[in-house]
Amino acid sequence: MSTGTDVPLSSSDEDQGSKLIRKAKEVPFVPIGTAGFAAIVAYGSYKLKSRGNTKMSLHLPNPHAAQGFVVGTMTLGVGYSMYQEFWAKPKP
């Protein structure tokens, strides 16, 4: 029996790629946070590689920026979902 939506009835019907795409559409802040975290860590690793003749301890990758980006993205996601749930809902 078809429900009229394109969401499968059971999760065993879809493969990992389509499940990931569906979840990313439902909660877009998760892939944004993950991509930002990866970009900041990659940039820190690149800067560590091209540090020159200075001491290693001065150029260790600082994970606080990446953690801050992820926490900020999570905060925006929670705020957005609260907005959708309480303020943007049409009144009956």
PDB file of N, CA and C in Angstrom:
ATOM      1  N   MET A   1       0.841  -1.171   0.000  1.00  0.00           N
ATOM      2  CA  MET A   1       0.000   0.000   0.000  1.00  0.00           C
ATOM      3  C   MET A   1       0.891   1.239   0.000  1.00  0.00           C
ATOM      4  N   SER A   2       0.662   2.147  -0.913  1.00  0.00           N
ATOM      5  CA  SER A   2       1.476   3.345  -1.048  1.00  0.00           C
ATOM      6  C   SER A   2       0.923   4.456  -0.162  1.00  0.00           C
ATOM      7  N   THR A   3       1.819   5.194   0.469  1.00  0.00           N
ATOM      8  CA  THR A   3       1.403   6.281   1.347  1.00  0.00           C
ATOM      9  C   THR A   3       1.430   7.632   0.651  1.00  0.00           C
ATOM     10  N   GLY A   4       1.929   7.684  -0.580  1.00  0.00           N
ATOM     11  CA  GLY A   4       1.974   8.940  -1.307  1.00  0.00           C
ATOM     12  C   GLY A   4       3.232   9.744  -1.058  1.00  0.00           C
ATOM     13  N   THR A   5       4.119   9.251  -0.222  1.00  0.00           N
ATOM     14  CA  THR A   5       5.385   9.944   0.015  1.00  0.00           C
ATOM     15  C   THR A   5       6.511   9.119  -0.568  1.00  0.00           C
ATOM     16  N   ASP A   6       7.659   9.758  -0.788  1.00  0.00           N
ATOM     17  CA  ASP A   6       8.790   9.036  -1.343  1.00  0.00           C
ATOM     18  C   ASP A   6       9.730   8.510  -0.260  1.00  0.00           C
ATOM     19  N   VAL A   7       9.287   8.488   1.004  1.00  0.00           N
ATOM     20  CA  VAL A   7      10.088   7.941   2.092  1.00  0.00           C
ATOM     21  C   VAL A   7       9.780   6.455   2.201  1.00  0.00           C
ATOM     22  N   PRO A   8      10.800   5.594   2.172  1.00  0.00           N
ATOM     23  CA  PRO A   8      10.540   4.164   2.246  1.00  0.00           C
ATOM     24  C   PRO A   8       9.917   3.775   3.589  1.00  0.00           C
ATOM     25  N   LEU A   9       9.137   2.688   3.555  1.00  0.00           N
ATOM     26  CA  LEU A   9       8.461   2.250   4.765  1.00  0.00           C
ATOM     27  C   LEU A   9       9.404   1.618   5.765  1.00  0.00           C
ATOM     28  N   SER A  10      10.461   0.960   5.296  1.00  0.00           N
ATOM     29  CA  SER A  10      11.434   0.375   6.219  1.00  0.00           C
ATOM     30  C   SER A  10      12.830   0.802   5.806  1.00  0.00           C
ATOM     31  N   SER A  11      13.719   0.891   6.784  1.00  0.00           N
ATOM     32  CA  SER A  11      15.068   1.351   6.495  1.00  0.00           C
ATOM     33  C   SER A  11      15.897   0.286   5.796  1.00  0.00           C
ATOM     34  N   SER A  12      15.430  -0.963   5.775  1.00  0.00           N
ATOM     35  CA  SER A  12      16.192  -2.009   5.094  1.00  0.00           C
ATOM     36  C   SER A  12      16.042  -1.927   3.578  1.00  0.00           C
ATOM     37  N   ASP A  13      15.086  -1.128   3.077  1.00  0.00           N
ATOM     38  CA  ASP A  13      14.874  -1.007   1.636  1.00  0.00           C
ATOM     39  C   ASP A  13      15.866  -0.071   0.964  1.00  0.00           C
ATOM     40  N   GLU A  14      16.525   0.802   1.715  1.00  0.00           N
ATOM     41  CA  GLU A  14      17.425   1.780   1.116  1.00  0.00           C
ATOM     42  C   GLU A  14      18.883   1.456   1.433  1.00  0.00           C
ATOM     43  N   ASP A  15      19.767   1.843   0.511  1.00  0.00           N
ATOM     44  CA  ASP A  15      21.190   1.596   0.736  1.00  0.00           C
ATOM     45  C   ASP A  15      21.792   2.747   1.543  1.00  0.00           C
ATOM     46  N   GLN A  16      23.072   2.632   1.866  1.00  0.00           N
ATOM     47  CA  GLN A  16      23.725   3.612   2.736  1.00  0.00           C
ATOM     48  C   GLN A  16      23.768   5.003   2.110  1.00  0.00           C
ATOM     49  N   GLY A  17      24.009   5.076   0.801  1.00  0.00           N
ATOM     50  CA  GLY A  17      24.106   6.381   0.143  1.00  0.00           C
ATOM     51  C   GLY A  17      22.799   7.138   0.170  1.00  0.00           C
ATOM     52  N   SER A  18      21.702   6.465  -0.157  1.00  0.00           N
ATOM     53  CA  SER A  18      20.408   7.152  -0.157  1.00  0.00           C
ATOM     54  C   SER A  18      19.966   7.487   1.266  1.00  0.00           C
ATOM     55  N   LYS A  19      20.334   6.655   2.223  1.00  0.00           N
ATOM     56  CA  LYS A  19      20.002   6.950   3.611  1.00  0.00           C
ATOM     57  C   LYS A  19      20.757   8.190   4.085  1.00  0.00           C
ATOM     58  N   LEU A  20      22.035   8.302   3.706  1.00  0.00           N
ATOM     59  CA  LEU A  20      22.833   9.470   4.072  1.00  0.00           C
ATOM     60  C   LEU A  20      22.265  10.735   3.442  1.00  0.00           C
ATOM     61  N   ILE A  21      21.856  10.651   2.181  1.00  0.00           N
ATOM     62  CA  ILE A  21      21.287  11.817   1.499  1.00  0.00           C
ATOM     63  C   ILE A  21      19.966  12.222   2.140  1.00  0.00           C
ATOM     64  N   ARG A  22      19.141  11.252   2.490  1.00  0.00           N
ATOM     65  CA  ARG A  22      17.858  11.550   3.122  1.00  0.00           C
ATOM     66  C   ARG A  22      18.060  12.207   4.483  1.00  0.00           C
ATOM     67  N   LYS A  23      18.989  11.687   5.274  1.00  0.00           N
ATOM     68  CA  LYS A  23      19.261  12.270   6.592  1.00  0.00           C
ATOM     69  C   LYS A  23      19.840  13.678   6.461  1.00  0.00           C
ATOM     70  N   ALA A  24      20.691  13.903   5.439  1.00  0.00           N
ATOM     71  CA  ALA A  24      21.270  15.230   5.238  1.00  0.00           C
ATOM     72  C   ALA A  24      20.202  16.243   4.850  1.00  0.00           C
ATOM     73  N   LYS A  25      19.175  15.801   4.113  1.00  0.00           N
ATOM     74  CA  LYS A  25      18.081  16.708   3.769  1.00  0.00           C
ATOM     75  C   LYS A  25      17.203  17.002   4.980  1.00  0.00           C
ATOM     76  N   GLU A  26      17.045  16.011   5.876  1.00  0.00           N
ATOM     77  CA  GLU A  26      16.226  16.222   7.061  1.00  0.00           C
ATOM     78  C   GLU A  26      16.910  17.154   8.057  1.00  0.00           C
ATOM     79  N   VAL A  27      18.211  16.973   8.271  1.00  0.00           N
ATOM     80  CA  VAL A  27      18.974  17.766   9.234  1.00  0.00           C
ATOM     81  C   VAL A  27      20.222  18.292   8.520  1.00  0.00           C
ATOM     82  N   PRO A  28      20.132  19.447   7.847  1.00  0.00           N
ATOM     83  CA  PRO A  28      21.261  19.924   7.053  1.00  0.00           C
ATOM     84  C   PRO A  28      22.441  20.433   7.867  1.00  0.00           C
ATOM     85  N   PHE A  29      22.278  20.648   9.155  1.00  0.00           N
ATOM     86  CA  PHE A  29      23.367  21.190   9.954  1.00  0.00           C
ATOM     87  C   PHE A  29      24.435  20.137  10.273  1.00  0.00           C
ATOM     88  N   VAL A  30      24.091  18.872  10.218  1.00  0.00           N
ATOM     89  CA  VAL A  30      25.067  17.816  10.495  1.00  0.00           C
ATOM     90  C   VAL A  30      26.154  17.766   9.422  1.00  0.00           C
ATOM     91  N   PRO A  31      25.812  17.695   8.125  1.00  0.00           N
ATOM     92  CA  PRO A  31      26.891  17.704   7.129  1.00  0.00           C
ATOM     93  C   PRO A  31      27.656  19.025   7.072  1.00  0.00           C
ATOM     94  N   ILE A  32      26.991  20.132   7.382  1.00  0.00           N
ATOM     95  CA  ILE A  32      27.685  21.424   7.415  1.00  0.00           C
ATOM     96  C   ILE A  32      28.723  21.426   8.532  1.00  0.00           C
ATOM     97  N   GLY A  33      28.347  20.950   9.711  1.00  0.00           N
ATOM     98  CA  GLY A  33      29.285  20.877  10.826  1.00  0.00           C
ATOM     99  C   GLY A  33      30.433  19.928  10.556  1.00  0.00           C
ATOM    100  N   THR A  34      30.127  18.791   9.943  1.00  0.00           N
ATOM    101  CA  THR A  34      31.173  17.822   9.619  1.00  0.00           C
ATOM    102  C   THR A  34      32.144  18.376   8.583  1.00  0.00           C
ATOM    103  N   ALA A  35      31.612  19.029   7.559  1.00  0.00           N
ATOM    104  CA  ALA A  35      32.473  19.614   6.525  1.00  0.00           C
ATOM    105  C   ALA A  35      33.330  20.747   7.089  1.00  0.00           C
ATOM    106  N   GLY A  36      32.753  21.567   7.940  1.00  0.00           N
ATOM    107  CA  GLY A  36      33.525  22.648   8.558  1.00  0.00           C
ATOM    108  C   GLY A  36      34.626  22.120   9.454  1.00  0.00           C
ATOM    109  N   PHE A  37      34.316  21.091  10.229  1.00  0.00           N
ATOM    110  CA  PHE A  37      35.319  20.461  11.083  1.00  0.00           C
ATOM    111  C   PHE A  37      36.469  19.909  10.242  1.00  0.00           C
ATOM    112  N   ALA A  38      36.138  19.197   9.172  1.00  0.00           N
ATOM    113  CA  ALA A  38      37.173  18.620   8.308  1.00  0.00           C
ATOM    114  C   ALA A  38      38.010  19.715   7.643  1.00  0.00           C
ATOM    115  N   ALA A  39      37.372  20.802   7.229  1.00  0.00           N
ATOM    116  CA  ALA A  39      38.103  21.888   6.576  1.00  0.00           C
ATOM    117  C   ALA A  39      39.063  22.569   7.551  1.00  0.00           C
ATOM    118  N   ILE A  40      38.622  22.804   8.777  1.00  0.00           N
ATOM    119  CA  ILE A  40      39.495  23.463   9.751  1.00  0.00           C
ATOM    120  C   ILE A  40      40.664  22.567  10.124  1.00  0.00           C
ATOM    121  N   VAL A  41      40.405  21.269  10.298  1.00  0.00           N
ATOM    122  CA  VAL A  41      41.489  20.336  10.618  1.00  0.00           C
ATOM    123  C   VAL A  41      42.468  20.218   9.449  1.00  0.00           C
ATOM    124  N   ALA A  42      41.953  20.192   8.213  1.00  0.00           N
ATOM    125  CA  ALA A  42      42.830  20.117   7.044  1.00  0.00           C
ATOM    126  C   ALA A  42      43.690  21.379   6.924  1.00  0.00           C
ATOM    127  N   TYR A  43      43.102  22.527   7.175  1.00  0.00           N
ATOM    128  CA  TYR A  43      43.862  23.773   7.123  1.00  0.00           C
ATOM    129  C   TYR A  43      44.943  23.796   8.198  1.00  0.00           C
ATOM    130  N   GLY A  44      44.603  23.339   9.408  1.00  0.00           N
ATOM    131  CA  GLY A  44      45.594  23.275  10.482  1.00  0.00           C
ATOM    132  C   GLY A  44      46.728  22.323  10.155  1.00  0.00           C
ATOM    133  N   SER A  45      46.394  21.198   9.535  1.00  0.00           N
ATOM    134  CA  SER A  45      47.435  20.239   9.131  1.00  0.00           C
ATOM    135  C   SER A  45      48.334  20.825   8.051  1.00  0.00           C
ATOM    136  N   TYR A  46      47.740  21.567   7.123  1.00  0.00           N
ATOM    137  CA  TYR A  46      48.537  22.208   6.074  1.00  0.00           C
ATOM    138  C   TYR A  46      49.484  23.246   6.675  1.00  0.00           C
ATOM    139  N   LYS A  47      48.974  24.048   7.596  1.00  0.00           N
ATOM    140  CA  LYS A  47      49.829  25.052   8.234  1.00  0.00           C
ATOM    141  C   LYS A  47      50.925  24.401   9.067  1.00  0.00           C
ATOM    142  N   LEU A  48      50.642  23.253   9.654  1.00  0.00           N
ATOM    143  CA  LEU A  48      51.660  22.535  10.421  1.00  0.00           C
ATOM    144  C   LEU A  48      52.766  22.041   9.493  1.00  0.00           C
ATOM    145  N   LYS A  49      52.381  21.590   8.307  1.00  0.00           N
ATOM    146  CA  LYS A  49      53.363  21.082   7.350  1.00  0.00           C
ATOM    147  C   LYS A  49      54.282  22.198   6.841  1.00  0.00           C
ATOM    148  N   SER A  50      53.744  23.379   6.667  1.00  0.00           N
ATOM    149  CA  SER A  50      54.535  24.486   6.114  1.00  0.00           C
ATOM    150  C   SER A  50      54.938  25.474   7.203  1.00  0.00           C
ATOM    151  N   ARG A  51      55.391  24.978   8.352  1.00  0.00           N
ATOM    152  CA  ARG A  51      55.720  25.847   9.475  1.00  0.00           C
ATOM    153  C   ARG A  51      57.115  26.460   9.380  1.00  0.00           C
ATOM    154  N   GLY A  52      57.970  25.907   8.575  1.00  0.00           N
ATOM    155  CA  GLY A  52      59.323  26.445   8.446  1.00  0.00           C
ATOM    156  C   GLY A  52      60.246  25.907   9.525  1.00  0.00           C
ATOM    157  N   ASN A  53      61.161  26.744  10.025  1.00  0.00           N
ATOM    158  CA  ASN A  53      62.156  26.309  11.002  1.00  0.00           C
ATOM    159  C   ASN A  53      61.766  26.630  12.448  1.00  0.00           C
ATOM    160  N   THR A  54      60.531  26.923  12.708  1.00  0.00           N
ATOM    161  CA  THR A  54      60.123  27.233  14.078  1.00  0.00           C
ATOM    162  C   THR A  54      59.830  25.950  14.858  1.00  0.00           C
ATOM    163  N   LYS A  55      59.689  26.105  16.163  1.00  0.00           N
ATOM    164  CA  LYS A  55      59.472  24.941  17.015  1.00  0.00           C
ATOM    165  C   LYS A  55      58.111  24.308  16.745  1.00  0.00           C
ATOM    166  N   MET A  56      58.065  22.998  16.892  1.00  0.00           N
ATOM    167  CA  MET A  56      56.833  22.255  16.653  1.00  0.00           C
ATOM    168  C   MET A  56      55.744  22.643  17.649  1.00  0.00           C
ATOM    169  N   SER A  57      56.112  22.900  18.898  1.00  0.00           N
ATOM    170  CA  SER A  57      55.116  23.195  19.925  1.00  0.00           C
ATOM    171  C   SER A  57      54.366  24.495  19.649  1.00  0.00           C
ATOM    172  N   LEU A  58      54.944  25.387  18.861  1.00  0.00           N
ATOM    173  CA  LEU A  58      54.275  26.638  18.534  1.00  0.00           C
ATOM    174  C   LEU A  58      53.219  26.456  17.444  1.00  0.00           C
ATOM    175  N   HIS A  59      53.299  25.352  16.710  1.00  0.00           N
ATOM    176  CA  HIS A  59      52.420  25.171  15.560  1.00  0.00           C
ATOM    177  C   HIS A  59      51.570  23.916  15.640  1.00  0.00           C
ATOM    178  N   LEU A  60      51.380  23.379  16.817  1.00  0.00           N
ATOM    179  CA  LEU A  60      50.509  22.211  16.920  1.00  0.00           C
ATOM    180  C   LEU A  60      49.084  22.601  16.547  1.00  0.00           C
ATOM    181  N   PRO A  61      48.396  21.735  15.858  1.00  0.00           N
ATOM    182  CA  PRO A  61      47.014  22.079  15.468  1.00  0.00           C
ATOM    183  C   PRO A  61      46.145  22.308  16.696  1.00  0.00           C
ATOM    184  N   ASN A  62      45.440  23.401  16.682  1.00  0.00           N
ATOM    185  CA  ASN A  62      44.581  23.746  17.798  1.00  0.00           C
ATOM    186  C   ASN A  62      43.163  23.277  17.486  1.00  0.00           C
ATOM    187  N   PRO A  63      42.668  22.282  18.202  1.00  0.00           N
ATOM    188  CA  PRO A  63      41.342  21.747  17.878  1.00  0.00           C
ATOM    189  C   PRO A  63      40.192  22.615  18.367  1.00  0.00           C
ATOM    190  N   HIS A  64      40.490  23.680  19.095  1.00  0.00           N
ATOM    191  CA  HIS A  64      39.417  24.495  19.654  1.00  0.00           C
ATOM    192  C   HIS A  64      38.602  25.193  18.566  1.00  0.00           C
ATOM    193  N   ALA A  65      39.238  25.610  17.502  1.00  0.00           N
ATOM    194  CA  ALA A  65      38.494  26.256  16.419  1.00  0.00           C
ATOM    195  C   ALA A  65      37.535  25.276  15.767  1.00  0.00           C
ATOM    196  N   ALA A  66      37.989  24.055  15.529  1.00  0.00           N
ATOM    197  CA  ALA A  66      37.127  23.043  14.917  1.00  0.00           C
ATOM    198  C   ALA A  66      35.991  22.666  15.864  1.00  0.00           C
ATOM    199  N   GLN A  67      36.289  22.514  17.141  1.00  0.00           N
ATOM    200  CA  GLN A  67      35.252  22.195  18.114  1.00  0.00           C
ATOM    201  C   GLN A  67      34.242  23.338  18.226  1.00  0.00           C
ATOM    202  N   GLY A  68      34.739  24.563  18.193  1.00  0.00           N
ATOM    203  CA  GLY A  68      33.850  25.715  18.254  1.00  0.00           C
ATOM    204  C   GLY A  68      32.927  25.790  17.057  1.00  0.00           C
ATOM    205  N   PHE A  69      33.447  25.441  15.884  1.00  0.00           N
ATOM    206  CA  PHE A  69      32.606  25.437  14.684  1.00  0.00           C
ATOM    207  C   PHE A  69      31.500  24.399  14.810  1.00  0.00           C
ATOM    208  N   VAL A  70      31.838  23.208  15.282  1.00  0.00           N
ATOM    209  CA  VAL A  70      30.840  22.150  15.425  1.00  0.00           C
ATOM    210  C   VAL A  70      29.793  22.537  16.472  1.00  0.00           C
ATOM    211  N   VAL A  71      30.220  23.074  17.604  1.00  0.00           N
ATOM    212  CA  VAL A  71      29.266  23.483  18.642  1.00  0.00           C
ATOM    213  C   VAL A  71      28.389  24.625  18.136  1.00  0.00           C
ATOM    214  N   GLY A  72      28.959  25.560  17.423  1.00  0.00           N
ATOM    215  CA  GLY A  72      28.167  26.650  16.851  1.00  0.00           C
ATOM    216  C   GLY A  72      27.145  26.149  15.844  1.00  0.00           C
ATOM    217  N   THR A  73      27.533  25.200  15.022  1.00  0.00           N
ATOM    218  CA  THR A  73      26.607  24.629  14.051  1.00  0.00           C
ATOM    219  C   THR A  73      25.488  23.870  14.751  1.00  0.00           C
ATOM    220  N   MET A  74      25.829  23.134  15.803  1.00  0.00           N
ATOM    221  CA  MET A  74      24.800  22.433  16.565  1.00  0.00           C
ATOM    222  C   MET A  74      23.836  23.414  17.213  1.00  0.00           C
ATOM    223  N   THR A  75      24.343  24.528  17.729  1.00  0.00           N
ATOM    224  CA  THR A  75      23.495  25.538  18.341  1.00  0.00           C
ATOM    225  C   THR A  75      22.559  26.155  17.311  1.00  0.00           C
ATOM    226  N   LEU A  76      23.075  26.451  16.127  1.00  0.00           N
ATOM    227  CA  LEU A  76      22.216  26.972  15.062  1.00  0.00           C
ATOM    228  C   LEU A  76      21.148  25.959  14.660  1.00  0.00           C
ATOM    229  N   GLY A  77      21.524  24.686  14.593  1.00  0.00           N
ATOM    230  CA  GLY A  77      20.563  23.644  14.243  1.00  0.00           C
ATOM    231  C   GLY A  77      19.447  23.513  15.262  1.00  0.00           C
ATOM    232  N   VAL A  78      19.798  23.574  16.539  1.00  0.00           N
ATOM    233  CA  VAL A  78      18.783  23.491  17.589  1.00  0.00           C
ATOM    234  C   VAL A  78      17.883  24.727  17.543  1.00  0.00           C
ATOM    235  N   GLY A  79      18.483  25.896  17.344  1.00  0.00           N
ATOM    236  CA  GLY A  79      17.688  27.117  17.234  1.00  0.00           C
ATOM    237  C   GLY A  79      16.742  27.084  16.044  1.00  0.00           C
ATOM    238  N   TYR A  80      17.225  26.568  14.925  1.00  0.00           N
ATOM    239  CA  TYR A  80      16.393  26.464  13.722  1.00  0.00           C
ATOM    240  C   TYR A  80      15.238  25.491  13.944  1.00  0.00           C
ATOM    241  N   SER A  81      15.525  24.344  14.569  1.00  0.00           N
ATOM    242  CA  SER A  81      14.444  23.382  14.797  1.00  0.00           C
ATOM    243  C   SER A  81      13.436  23.916  15.819  1.00  0.00           C
ATOM    244  N   MET A  82      13.907  24.680  16.812  1.00  0.00           N
ATOM    245  CA  MET A  82      12.976  25.302  17.759  1.00  0.00           C
ATOM    246  C   MET A  82      12.106  26.336  17.046  1.00  0.00           C
ATOM    247  N   TYR A  83      12.709  27.096  16.145  1.00  0.00           N
ATOM    248  CA  TYR A  83      11.933  28.063  15.371  1.00  0.00           C
ATOM    249  C   TYR A  83      10.868  27.363  14.544  1.00  0.00           C
ATOM    250  N   GLN A  84      11.248  26.288  13.861  1.00  0.00           N
ATOM    251  CA  GLN A  84      10.298  25.543  13.042  1.00  0.00           C
ATOM    252  C   GLN A  84       9.179  24.943  13.896  1.00  0.00           C
ATOM    253  N   GLU A  85       9.513  24.477  15.070  1.00  0.00           N
ATOM    254  CA  GLU A  85       8.540  23.792  15.924  1.00  0.00           C
ATOM    255  C   GLU A  85       7.566  24.760  16.597  1.00  0.00           C
ATOM    256  N   PHE A  86       8.054  25.904  17.076  1.00  0.00           N
ATOM    257  CA  PHE A  86       7.214  26.751  17.916  1.00  0.00           C
ATOM    258  C   PHE A  86       6.724  28.029  17.240  1.00  0.00           C
ATOM    259  N   TRP A  87       7.517  28.653  16.389  1.00  0.00           N
ATOM    260  CA  TRP A  87       7.115  29.942  15.842  1.00  0.00           C
ATOM    261  C   TRP A  87       6.648  29.876  14.401  1.00  0.00           C
ATOM    262  N   ALA A  88       7.214  29.028  13.597  1.00  0.00           N
ATOM    263  CA  ALA A  88       6.866  28.979  12.185  1.00  0.00           C
ATOM    264  C   ALA A  88       5.693  28.053  11.910  1.00  0.00           C
ATOM    265  N   LYS A  89       5.223  27.353  12.927  1.00  0.00           N
ATOM    266  CA  LYS A  89       4.105  26.433  12.742  1.00  0.00           C
ATOM    267  C   LYS A  89       2.819  27.243  12.494  1.00  0.00           C
ATOM    268  N   PRO A  90       2.062  26.873  11.474  1.00  0.00           N
ATOM    269  CA  PRO A  90       0.824  27.627  11.234  1.00  0.00           C
ATOM    270  C   PRO A  90      -0.187  27.408  12.367  1.00  0.00           C
ATOM    271  N   LYS A  91      -0.816  28.462  12.755  1.00  0.00           N
ATOM    272  CA  LYS A  91      -1.790  28.417  13.846  1.00  0.00           C
ATOM    273  C   LYS A  91      -3.125  27.878  13.312  1.00  0.00           C
ATOM    274  N   PRO A  92      -3.778  26.990  14.057  1.00  0.00           N
ATOM    275  CA  PRO A  92      -5.071  26.442  13.575  1.00  0.00           C
ATOM    276  C   PRO A  92      -6.203  27.422  13.665  1.00  0.00           C
TER     277      PRO A  92
END
